[in-house]
Protein backbone atom coordinates (compact mmCIF):
# COMPACT_ATOMS: atom_id res chain seq x y z
CA UNK A 1 38.23 -98.83 22.69
CA UNK A 2 35.16 -97.99 24.69
CA UNK A 3 31.89 -99.85 25.15
CA UNK A 4 28.41 -98.49 24.50
CA UNK A 5 28.18 -97.04 27.97
CA UNK A 6 31.39 -95.17 27.43
CA UNK A 7 30.06 -93.69 24.16
CA UNK A 8 26.91 -92.58 25.90
CA UNK A 9 29.00 -91.02 28.58
CA UNK A 10 31.09 -89.28 25.91
CA UNK A 11 27.98 -87.97 24.16
CA UNK A 12 26.76 -86.62 27.47
CA UNK A 13 30.07 -84.85 27.79
CA UNK A 14 31.43 -86.91 30.81
CA UNK A 15 35.11 -87.85 30.18
CA UNK A 16 36.30 -91.38 31.11
CA UNK A 17 39.84 -92.32 32.12
CA UNK A 18 41.99 -94.10 29.54
CA UNK A 19 42.60 -96.99 32.02
CA UNK A 20 38.93 -97.95 31.85
CA UNK A 21 39.13 -98.09 28.08
CA UNK A 22 42.25 -100.28 28.22
CA UNK A 23 40.72 -102.65 30.77
CA UNK A 24 37.82 -103.49 28.50
CA UNK A 25 40.14 -104.67 25.61
CA UNK A 26 41.51 -108.30 24.92
CA UNK A 27 44.79 -109.57 26.38
CA UNK A 28 47.67 -109.27 23.81
CA UNK A 29 49.32 -112.47 22.48
CA UNK A 30 52.55 -111.02 21.12
CA UNK A 31 54.59 -107.85 20.95
CA UNK A 32 53.26 -107.08 17.50
CA UNK A 33 49.85 -107.55 18.80
CA UNK A 34 50.73 -105.39 21.74
CA UNK A 35 51.92 -102.64 19.40
CA UNK A 36 48.81 -102.97 17.32
CA UNK A 37 46.76 -103.00 20.41
CA UNK A 38 48.55 -99.98 21.80
CA UNK A 39 47.96 -98.07 18.58
CA UNK A 40 44.35 -99.17 18.59
CA UNK A 41 44.00 -98.04 22.16
CA UNK A 42 45.69 -94.68 21.46
CA UNK A 43 43.48 -93.88 18.43
CA UNK A 44 40.19 -94.24 20.33
CA UNK A 45 41.66 -92.23 23.13
CA UNK A 46 42.58 -89.41 20.78
CA UNK A 47 39.15 -89.58 19.14
CA UNK A 48 37.57 -89.54 22.54
CA UNK A 49 39.54 -86.44 23.52
CA UNK A 50 38.56 -84.68 20.28
CA UNK A 51 34.92 -85.59 20.86
CA UNK A 52 35.14 -84.28 24.39
CA UNK A 53 36.68 -81.03 23.12
CA UNK A 54 33.93 -80.61 20.51
CA UNK A 55 31.29 -81.31 23.12
CA UNK A 56 32.84 -78.71 25.38
CA UNK A 57 32.81 -76.18 22.52
CA UNK A 58 29.17 -76.97 21.72
CA UNK A 59 28.18 -76.67 25.34
CA UNK A 60 30.08 -73.39 25.60
CA UNK A 61 28.39 -72.03 22.51
CA UNK A 62 25.04 -73.07 23.85
CA UNK A 63 25.79 -71.41 27.11
CA UNK A 64 26.87 -68.23 25.35
CA UNK A 65 23.71 -68.25 23.23
CA UNK A 66 21.67 -68.65 26.34
CA UNK A 67 23.50 -65.78 27.98
CA UNK A 68 23.00 -63.57 24.90
CA UNK A 69 19.30 -64.39 24.84
CA UNK A 70 19.08 -63.58 28.47
CA UNK A 71 20.89 -60.29 27.88
CA UNK A 72 18.63 -59.47 24.92
CA UNK A 73 15.54 -60.15 26.95
CA UNK A 74 16.80 -58.05 29.82
CA UNK A 75 17.85 -55.04 27.67
CA UNK A 76 14.27 -53.73 26.89
CA UNK A 77 13.43 -54.05 30.52
CA UNK A 78 16.54 -52.05 31.36
CA UNK A 79 15.83 -49.43 28.68
CA UNK A 80 12.22 -49.16 29.81
CA UNK A 81 13.41 -48.67 33.33
CA UNK A 82 15.90 -46.03 32.17
CA UNK A 83 13.20 -44.22 30.13
CA UNK A 84 10.82 -44.20 33.04
CA UNK A 85 13.59 -42.94 35.27
CA UNK A 86 14.53 -40.17 32.76
CA UNK A 87 10.87 -39.18 32.30
CA UNK A 88 10.49 -38.94 36.03
CA UNK A 89 13.60 -36.77 36.20
CA UNK A 90 12.38 -34.47 33.37
CA UNK A 91 8.94 -34.20 34.93
CA UNK A 92 10.55 -33.40 38.22
CA UNK A 93 12.80 -30.79 36.56
CA UNK A 94 9.85 -29.15 34.80
CA UNK A 95 7.92 -29.06 38.03
CA UNK A 96 10.91 -27.56 39.79
CA UNK A 97 11.27 -24.89 37.03
CA UNK A 98 7.57 -24.12 37.16
CA UNK A 99 7.83 -23.63 40.85
CA UNK A 100 10.93 -21.45 40.50
CA UNK A 101 9.33 -19.01 37.95
CA UNK A 102 7.32 -16.77 40.22
CA UNK A 103 5.95 -13.29 39.66
CA UNK A 104 8.37 -11.92 42.26
CA UNK A 105 11.37 -13.49 40.52
CA UNK A 106 10.36 -12.13 37.14
CA UNK A 107 9.76 -8.68 38.62
CA UNK A 108 13.24 -8.69 40.13
CA UNK A 109 14.78 -9.71 36.81
CA UNK A 110 12.91 -6.90 35.05
CA UNK A 111 14.17 -4.40 37.61
CA UNK A 112 17.70 -5.62 37.00
CA UNK A 113 17.23 -5.29 33.23
CA UNK A 114 15.87 -1.76 33.60
CA UNK A 115 18.90 -0.77 35.66
CA UNK A 116 21.14 -2.35 33.02
CA UNK A 117 19.51 -0.24 30.32
CA UNK A 118 20.25 2.93 32.26
CA UNK A 119 23.84 1.86 32.88
CA UNK A 120 24.52 0.70 29.30
CA UNK A 121 27.27 2.61 27.52
CA UNK A 122 27.56 0.71 24.25
CA UNK A 123 25.37 -1.07 21.74
CA UNK A 124 26.87 -4.35 22.96
CA UNK A 125 25.61 -3.59 26.46
CA UNK A 126 22.14 -3.01 25.08
CA UNK A 127 22.30 -6.20 23.02
CA UNK A 128 23.03 -8.13 26.21
CA UNK A 129 20.05 -6.55 27.95
CA UNK A 130 17.85 -7.39 24.99
CA UNK A 131 18.90 -11.03 25.23
CA UNK A 132 17.97 -10.99 28.93
CA UNK A 133 14.58 -9.54 28.10
CA UNK A 134 13.98 -12.27 25.53
CA UNK A 135 14.77 -14.88 28.18
CA UNK A 136 12.43 -13.19 30.65
CA UNK A 137 9.69 -13.17 28.01
CA UNK A 138 10.13 -16.91 27.45
CA UNK A 139 10.03 -17.64 31.17
CA UNK A 140 6.99 -15.43 31.59
CA UNK A 141 5.18 -17.38 28.90
CA UNK A 142 6.06 -20.68 30.58
CA UNK A 143 5.28 -19.52 34.12
CA UNK A 144 2.26 -20.92 35.92
CA UNK A 145 0.82 -17.67 37.26
CA UNK A 146 -2.62 -17.18 38.77
CA UNK A 147 -5.26 -15.92 36.37
CA UNK A 148 -7.52 -13.02 37.39
CA UNK A 149 -11.17 -13.59 38.13
CA UNK A 150 -13.12 -12.41 35.08
CA UNK A 151 -16.00 -11.29 37.26
CA UNK A 152 -13.77 -9.18 39.49
CA UNK A 153 -12.67 -5.96 37.78
CA UNK A 154 -10.20 -5.21 40.57
CA UNK A 155 -8.62 -8.67 40.64
CA UNK A 156 -4.84 -8.79 40.36
CA UNK A 157 -3.36 -9.93 37.06
CA UNK A 158 0.31 -10.85 37.61
CA UNK A 159 0.87 -11.93 34.03
CA UNK A 160 -0.68 -8.79 32.57
CA UNK A 161 1.31 -6.57 34.92
CA UNK A 162 4.56 -8.32 34.05
CA UNK A 163 3.87 -8.12 30.32
CA UNK A 164 3.23 -4.40 30.65
CA UNK A 165 6.41 -3.96 32.63
CA UNK A 166 8.34 -5.96 30.04
CA UNK A 167 7.01 -3.68 27.31
CA UNK A 168 8.13 -0.60 29.23
CA UNK A 169 11.66 -1.91 29.61
CA UNK A 170 11.79 -2.82 25.92
CA UNK A 171 10.66 0.71 25.02
CA UNK A 172 13.36 2.16 27.24
CA UNK A 173 15.87 -0.11 25.53
CA UNK A 174 14.90 1.15 22.09
CA UNK A 175 15.08 4.77 23.23
CA UNK A 176 18.56 4.15 24.60
CA UNK A 177 19.80 2.88 21.26
CA UNK A 178 21.40 5.17 18.70
CA UNK A 179 21.28 7.62 17.23
CA UNK A 180 22.63 6.03 14.09
CA UNK A 181 23.93 7.40 10.81
CA UNK A 182 20.75 6.02 9.23
CA UNK A 183 18.71 8.35 11.45
CA UNK A 184 20.68 11.34 10.14
CA UNK A 185 20.12 10.27 6.54
CA UNK A 186 16.40 9.73 7.14
CA UNK A 187 16.05 13.21 8.66
CA UNK A 188 17.84 14.87 5.73
CA UNK A 189 15.73 12.99 3.17
CA UNK A 190 12.60 14.05 5.05
CA UNK A 191 13.72 17.66 4.74
CA UNK A 192 14.26 17.17 1.00
CA UNK A 193 10.71 15.86 0.59
CA UNK A 194 9.31 18.82 2.55
CA UNK A 195 11.13 21.28 0.31
CA UNK A 196 9.91 19.58 -2.87
CA UNK A 197 6.29 18.97 -1.84
CA UNK A 198 5.47 22.30 -0.19
CA UNK A 199 4.11 25.31 -2.07
CA UNK A 200 6.20 28.17 -0.71
CA UNK A 201 5.54 31.87 -0.91
CA UNK A 202 8.24 34.08 -2.38
CA UNK A 203 9.43 34.94 1.09
CA UNK A 204 9.19 31.29 2.08
CA UNK A 205 11.50 30.27 -0.76
CA UNK A 206 14.10 32.70 0.50
CA UNK A 207 13.75 31.33 4.02
CA UNK A 208 14.15 27.75 2.79
CA UNK A 209 17.28 28.63 0.84
CA UNK A 210 18.77 30.29 3.94
CA UNK A 211 17.91 27.27 6.11
CA UNK A 212 19.66 24.91 3.70
CA UNK A 213 22.75 27.13 3.55
CA UNK A 214 22.96 27.14 7.34
CA UNK A 215 22.65 23.36 7.50
CA UNK A 216 25.33 22.87 4.84
CA UNK A 217 27.73 24.99 6.88
CA UNK A 218 27.04 22.98 10.04
CA UNK A 219 27.30 19.60 8.29
CA UNK A 220 30.51 20.64 6.57
CA UNK A 221 32.09 21.64 9.86
CA UNK A 222 31.07 18.36 11.53
CA UNK A 223 32.22 16.12 8.67
CA UNK A 224 35.22 18.21 7.65
CA UNK A 225 33.84 18.72 4.14
CA UNK A 226 32.64 21.75 2.19
CA UNK A 227 29.06 21.65 0.92
CA UNK A 228 27.69 24.32 -1.41
CA UNK A 229 24.57 25.02 -3.44
CA UNK A 230 25.49 24.98 -7.11
CA UNK A 231 23.48 27.48 -9.11
CA UNK A 232 20.93 30.04 -8.00
CA UNK A 233 20.32 29.81 -4.23
CA UNK A 234 16.70 30.70 -4.95
CA UNK A 235 16.36 27.53 -7.01
CA UNK A 236 15.15 25.05 -4.43
CA UNK A 237 16.05 22.19 -6.74
CA UNK A 238 19.70 23.16 -6.26
CA UNK A 239 19.18 23.18 -2.51
CA UNK A 240 17.81 19.64 -2.62
CA UNK A 241 20.79 18.50 -4.69
CA UNK A 242 23.15 19.94 -2.08
CA UNK A 243 21.33 18.03 0.67
CA UNK A 244 21.72 14.82 -1.33
CA UNK A 245 25.48 15.42 -1.31
CA UNK A 246 25.39 15.53 2.50
CA UNK A 247 23.48 12.23 2.55
CA UNK A 248 26.18 10.63 0.41
CA UNK A 249 28.91 11.99 2.68
CA UNK A 250 27.24 10.64 5.82
CA UNK A 251 26.78 7.26 4.17
CA UNK A 252 30.42 7.13 3.05
CA UNK A 253 31.68 8.09 6.52
CA UNK A 254 30.54 4.72 7.91
CA UNK A 255 29.87 6.21 11.34
CA UNK A 256 29.87 3.80 14.29
CA UNK A 257 27.11 4.40 16.87
CA UNK A 258 29.61 3.93 19.74
CA UNK A 259 32.88 5.32 18.46
CA UNK A 260 31.29 8.18 16.49
CA UNK A 261 28.41 8.92 18.85
CA UNK A 262 29.42 12.58 19.23
CA UNK A 263 29.57 13.13 15.46
CA UNK A 264 26.21 11.48 14.91
CA UNK A 265 24.68 13.50 17.75
CA UNK A 266 25.97 16.76 16.25
CA UNK A 267 24.53 15.86 12.85
CA UNK A 268 21.18 15.03 14.43
CA UNK A 269 21.17 18.45 16.11
CA UNK A 270 21.90 20.10 12.77
CA UNK A 271 19.08 18.24 11.02
CA UNK A 272 16.71 19.17 13.85
CA UNK A 273 17.58 22.84 13.27
CA UNK A 274 16.96 22.40 9.54
CA UNK A 275 13.54 20.86 10.16
CA UNK A 276 12.62 23.67 12.55
CA UNK A 277 13.66 26.31 10.00
CA UNK A 278 11.60 24.66 7.27
CA UNK A 279 8.62 24.50 9.61
CA UNK A 280 8.94 28.23 10.22
CA UNK A 281 9.31 29.15 6.53
CA UNK A 282 6.24 30.76 4.96
CA UNK A 283 4.09 28.56 2.74
CA UNK A 284 0.88 29.27 0.89
CA UNK A 285 -1.26 27.49 3.43
CA UNK A 286 -0.07 29.93 6.07
CA UNK A 287 -1.60 32.89 4.21
CA UNK A 288 -5.14 34.15 4.25
CA UNK A 289 -7.08 34.23 0.98
CA UNK A 290 -6.50 37.95 0.61
CA UNK A 291 -2.77 37.54 1.25
CA UNK A 292 -2.54 34.80 -1.35
CA UNK A 293 -4.41 36.88 -3.93
CA UNK A 294 -2.35 39.95 -3.16
CA UNK A 295 0.85 37.93 -3.55
CA UNK A 296 -0.35 36.83 -7.01
CA UNK A 297 -1.23 40.36 -8.12
CA UNK A 298 -5.01 39.87 -8.04
CA UNK A 299 -5.64 43.39 -6.75
CA UNK A 300 -3.07 45.16 -8.93
CA UNK A 301 -5.69 46.55 -11.38
CA UNK A 302 -7.85 47.89 -8.58
CA UNK A 303 -7.40 51.63 -7.93
CA UNK A 304 -9.21 54.31 -5.98
CA UNK A 305 -10.79 55.51 -9.25
CA UNK A 306 -12.29 52.18 -10.34
CA UNK A 307 -13.10 50.83 -6.88
CA UNK A 308 -16.87 51.01 -7.28
CA UNK A 309 -18.13 47.66 -6.10
CA UNK A 310 -18.30 45.91 -2.78
CA UNK A 311 -16.73 43.67 -1.95
CA UNK A 312 -13.60 44.86 -3.80
CA UNK A 313 -13.10 41.35 -5.19
CA UNK A 314 -16.30 41.78 -7.26
CA UNK A 315 -14.80 44.95 -8.69
CA UNK A 316 -11.70 43.01 -9.69
CA UNK A 317 -13.87 40.40 -11.49
CA UNK A 318 -15.75 43.06 -13.44
CA UNK A 319 -12.56 44.87 -14.38
CA UNK A 320 -11.07 41.56 -15.51
CA UNK A 321 -14.15 40.85 -17.66
CA UNK A 322 -13.93 44.26 -19.29
CA UNK A 323 -10.27 43.65 -20.03
CA UNK A 324 -10.94 40.06 -21.23
CA UNK A 325 -8.68 38.74 -18.48
CA UNK A 326 -10.07 35.28 -17.58
CA UNK A 327 -7.11 34.47 -15.32
CA UNK A 328 -8.22 36.88 -12.59
CA UNK A 329 -11.81 35.63 -12.82
CA UNK A 330 -10.64 32.03 -12.50
CA UNK A 331 -8.44 33.04 -9.57
CA UNK A 332 -11.43 34.53 -7.78
CA UNK A 333 -13.54 31.45 -8.58
CA UNK A 334 -10.83 29.24 -7.12
CA UNK A 335 -10.33 31.15 -3.87
CA UNK A 336 -13.80 32.46 -3.03
CA UNK A 337 -16.39 29.87 -2.08
CA UNK A 338 -19.39 32.10 -1.43
CA UNK A 339 -22.39 31.56 -3.71
CA UNK A 340 -22.43 35.28 -4.53
CA UNK A 341 -18.85 35.38 -5.83
CA UNK A 342 -19.15 32.04 -7.63
CA UNK A 343 -22.28 33.19 -9.48
CA UNK A 344 -20.62 36.43 -10.63
CA UNK A 345 -17.47 34.63 -11.76
CA UNK A 346 -19.42 32.03 -13.77
CA UNK A 347 -21.57 34.67 -15.45
CA UNK A 348 -18.45 36.61 -16.42
CA UNK A 349 -16.92 33.47 -17.92
CA UNK A 350 -20.11 32.74 -19.87
CA UNK A 351 -20.04 36.18 -21.39
CA UNK A 352 -16.33 35.96 -22.15
CA UNK A 353 -16.27 32.40 -23.52
CA UNK A 354 -12.50 32.39 -23.11
CA UNK A 355 -10.60 29.23 -24.12
CA UNK A 356 -8.34 29.81 -21.09
CA UNK A 357 -11.25 28.69 -18.90
CA UNK A 358 -11.63 25.33 -20.66
CA UNK A 359 -9.61 23.16 -18.24
CA UNK A 360 -11.20 24.66 -15.13
CA UNK A 361 -14.71 24.30 -16.56
CA UNK A 362 -14.10 20.75 -17.79
CA UNK A 363 -13.05 19.75 -14.29
CA UNK A 364 -16.30 21.16 -12.93
CA UNK A 365 -18.39 19.72 -15.78
CA UNK A 366 -17.13 16.23 -14.97
CA UNK A 367 -19.00 16.66 -11.68
CA UNK A 368 -22.17 17.48 -13.71
CA UNK A 369 -21.98 21.17 -12.86
CA UNK A 370 -24.59 22.76 -15.14
CA UNK A 371 -23.06 26.25 -14.99
CA UNK A 372 -19.69 24.89 -16.07
CA UNK A 373 -21.39 22.99 -18.93
CA UNK A 374 -22.92 26.25 -20.12
CA UNK A 375 -19.50 27.89 -20.11
CA UNK A 376 -18.12 25.00 -22.17
CA UNK A 377 -20.86 25.65 -24.72
CA UNK A 378 -19.77 29.30 -24.92
CA UNK A 379 -16.13 28.31 -25.28
CA UNK A 380 -17.09 25.97 -28.15
CA UNK A 381 -14.23 23.48 -27.84
CA UNK A 382 -15.27 20.15 -29.48
CA UNK A 383 -12.99 18.28 -27.07
CA UNK A 384 -15.73 18.68 -24.47
CA UNK A 385 -18.18 16.55 -26.47
CA UNK A 386 -16.77 13.25 -25.23
CA UNK A 387 -17.95 14.18 -21.75
CA UNK A 388 -21.14 15.98 -22.76
CA UNK A 389 -22.55 13.17 -24.91
CA UNK A 390 -22.68 10.93 -21.84
CA UNK A 391 -24.97 13.39 -20.06
CA UNK A 392 -27.78 13.19 -22.65
CA UNK A 393 -28.15 9.42 -22.54
CA UNK A 394 -31.13 7.77 -20.85
CA UNK A 395 -34.10 9.42 -19.21
CA UNK A 396 -32.59 10.62 -15.95
CA UNK A 397 -32.07 14.25 -14.96
CA UNK A 398 -33.95 16.18 -17.69
CA UNK A 399 -32.65 19.58 -16.45
CA UNK A 400 -29.04 18.42 -16.93
CA UNK A 401 -29.93 17.03 -20.37
CA UNK A 402 -31.48 20.32 -21.48
CA UNK A 403 -28.44 22.31 -20.37
CA UNK A 404 -26.10 19.85 -22.04
CA UNK A 405 -28.07 19.83 -25.31
CA UNK A 406 -27.89 23.62 -25.46
CA UNK A 407 -24.12 23.47 -24.91
CA UNK A 408 -23.73 20.79 -27.59
CA UNK A 409 -25.74 22.91 -30.01
CA UNK A 410 -23.53 25.92 -29.31
CA UNK A 411 -20.40 23.87 -29.94
CA UNK A 412 -22.04 22.95 -33.28
CA UNK A 413 -20.06 19.87 -34.27
CA UNK A 414 -21.65 17.42 -36.73
CA UNK A 415 -20.07 14.73 -34.55
CA UNK A 416 -23.05 15.29 -32.25
CA UNK A 417 -25.80 14.91 -34.90
CA UNK A 418 -26.66 11.28 -34.18
CA UNK A 419 -26.43 11.41 -30.34
CA UNK A 420 -28.68 14.49 -30.34
CA UNK A 421 -31.14 13.07 -32.92
CA UNK A 422 -31.56 10.05 -30.64
CA UNK A 423 -33.06 12.38 -28.02
CA UNK A 424 -35.91 13.47 -30.36
CA UNK A 425 -37.85 10.55 -28.88
CA UNK A 426 -37.10 11.36 -25.24
CA UNK A 427 -39.95 11.03 -22.77
CA UNK A 428 -39.65 14.62 -21.55
CA UNK A 429 -41.03 17.11 -24.13
CA UNK A 430 -38.59 19.79 -23.02
CA UNK A 431 -35.69 17.42 -23.75
CA UNK A 432 -37.18 16.75 -27.23
CA UNK A 433 -37.44 20.49 -27.83
CA UNK A 434 -33.86 21.05 -26.67
CA UNK A 435 -32.64 18.26 -28.96
CA UNK A 436 -34.45 19.81 -31.94
CA UNK A 437 -32.95 23.22 -31.19
CA UNK A 438 -29.47 21.70 -30.89
CA UNK A 439 -29.83 20.03 -34.30
CA UNK A 440 -30.76 23.37 -35.78
CA UNK A 441 -27.60 24.98 -34.40
CA UNK A 442 -25.45 22.08 -35.59
CA UNK A 443 -26.88 22.61 -39.09
CA UNK A 444 -26.29 19.09 -40.37
CA UNK A 445 -28.73 18.44 -43.27
CA UNK A 446 -28.97 14.81 -42.19
CA UNK A 447 -31.22 16.10 -39.40
CA UNK A 448 -33.87 17.47 -41.81
CA UNK A 449 -35.83 14.21 -42.10
CA UNK A 450 -36.00 13.43 -38.37
CA UNK A 451 -36.96 17.06 -37.68
CA UNK A 452 -39.70 16.91 -40.34
CA UNK A 453 -41.05 13.72 -38.74
CA UNK A 454 -41.03 15.38 -35.33
CA UNK A 455 -42.91 18.39 -36.75
CA UNK A 456 -45.52 16.10 -38.27
CA UNK A 457 -46.04 13.58 -35.49
CA UNK A 458 -45.19 14.95 -32.05
CA UNK A 459 -48.17 15.50 -29.78
CA UNK A 460 -46.69 18.57 -28.07
CA UNK A 461 -47.04 21.82 -30.01
CA UNK A 462 -44.01 23.25 -28.24
CA UNK A 463 -41.91 20.37 -29.57
CA UNK A 464 -43.33 20.77 -33.10
CA UNK A 465 -42.56 24.48 -32.99
CA UNK A 466 -38.99 23.70 -31.91
CA UNK A 467 -38.65 21.34 -34.88
CA UNK A 468 -39.96 24.00 -37.30
CA UNK A 469 -37.61 26.56 -35.81
CA UNK A 470 -34.67 24.16 -36.20
CA UNK A 471 -35.55 23.68 -39.88
CA UNK A 472 -35.53 27.45 -40.30
CA UNK A 473 -32.12 27.64 -38.65
CA UNK A 474 -30.71 24.97 -40.96
CA UNK A 475 -32.04 27.18 -43.73
CA UNK A 476 -31.58 25.01 -46.82
CA UNK A 477 -34.36 24.97 -49.43
CA UNK A 478 -35.45 21.49 -48.46
CA UNK A 479 -35.49 22.39 -44.76
CA UNK A 480 -37.55 25.53 -45.42
CA UNK A 481 -40.01 23.64 -47.61
CA UNK A 482 -40.59 21.09 -44.84
CA UNK A 483 -41.37 23.89 -42.38
CA UNK A 484 -43.44 26.00 -44.80
CA UNK A 485 -46.00 23.24 -45.26
CA UNK A 486 -47.50 24.08 -41.84
CA UNK A 487 -48.49 27.68 -42.57
CA UNK A 488 -52.10 26.80 -41.77
CA UNK A 489 -51.32 24.75 -38.66
CA UNK A 490 -53.70 24.76 -35.72
CA UNK A 491 -50.93 25.82 -33.33
CA UNK A 492 -49.91 29.44 -33.62
CA UNK A 493 -46.28 28.78 -32.60
CA UNK A 494 -45.95 26.24 -35.40
CA UNK A 495 -47.79 28.49 -37.86
CA UNK A 496 -45.43 31.38 -37.09
CA UNK A 497 -42.37 29.28 -37.88
CA UNK A 498 -44.00 27.99 -41.08
CA UNK A 499 -44.73 31.53 -42.26
CA UNK A 500 -41.14 32.48 -41.53
CA UNK A 501 -39.96 29.58 -43.68
CA UNK A 502 -42.35 30.58 -46.45
CA UNK A 503 -40.96 34.12 -46.41
CA UNK A 504 -37.44 32.77 -46.57
CA UNK A 505 -38.35 30.71 -49.63
CA UNK A 506 -39.55 33.91 -51.32
CA UNK A 507 -36.04 35.28 -51.00
CA UNK A 508 -32.97 33.21 -51.70
CA UNK A 509 -32.90 30.17 -49.43
CA UNK A 510 -29.70 28.51 -48.34
CA UNK A 511 -28.49 26.26 -51.18
CA UNK A 512 -28.39 22.54 -50.53
CA UNK A 513 -24.83 21.34 -49.94
CA UNK A 514 -23.37 19.17 -52.65
CA UNK A 515 -23.86 15.48 -52.01
């Protein structure tokens, strides 16, 4: 066994020899006692050893925990040191790169890239150069180059010069690429559009057809395929269809810009010839006015016997009017822009009143052309009323309103009765007179009452006379009676119309229409 001091020593982790423990015990009296004593001595010794082992383990664990804490505390310091060291290295690297990217270095790299463009033989070579140019562009953006003095117009600008040089090399790179099959297809489709959109002369159509035939022969020889125009060669639609067949063949050939460069180049040459031939073909815009008119037969009716007027185009217009041929008059109106020729053409159309002139005059009337509106009145097509009714609304432009009201009256549709009657209260007396006259020509008996009111109440004698005249034109018994009441009117113009109505009543007036 051990005394208290020994236990304290054990707790402190200091081992004591077994002899000391035995020396502290009592002296044995017998062998049994000795055995018991020996066992008693051995048990504390074993317990003491176990306690010492546990103490050692605890101390070891404590030491390890202390070491781990120490390691944990030291790790952030180490990481911080590493981060600072890495940041210093990166900063140093960036500074070194900034120093290395100079204007001279970039210029040398651009020179090398330009030489590589000239030496490139394949698309892959050009792709490599393009990658180099992209890298140069990135370095140029990152480079710390001196900026020019804004106040000095002649100051050097390294960055601007290098950017311009970079653009030149990129342009050279793009020019070195191709041609591609897509370029051939685009050129052919452009030719198709030219053929379809251009107004060709008769000779021009023949030239276009010949140009397409020549191209088809060339393309067929290059691609080893026969191309033909199905149908009439003069039908340019068939020519376009044949060109579309070439486009399909080029697309199906899957031509490689490197391996099939010669084939693509030959096709590009052929399409260039086609474009040149189409450019040379005669179109209407290439002709003078006289040539265009001659090509359309404008002068065919003009002979030495009937050539009496000057210029000869005026003679053609007069001959056309005498033959009731509005097409030639419209042709002259379309091509000749002089005021003299336009006036003669319009007057001829007014006298003719041909329905064939309706579309051309409607187009002009939509621009508020008063002459064209007059022609529409002579033609008498009610379809024009939708446009004409708009021109008599409001108080603006009395001259246009008067012209339009006359045209509406000549068309004579009862559809216009109300819109025209609304103008009987217009501010301009001439517009009121024109409205009254138009109602007379329309002849709708619903206008009798408003015309009678106008005759009775309007302050302008010219307007009252127009109302009386309109009642006479309507000509029914009721209309004549309304007008005849003013036979003794103070205004002679009104009195004259009243007397006319009175005379008409003495004969057989127009019967009132059935309700």
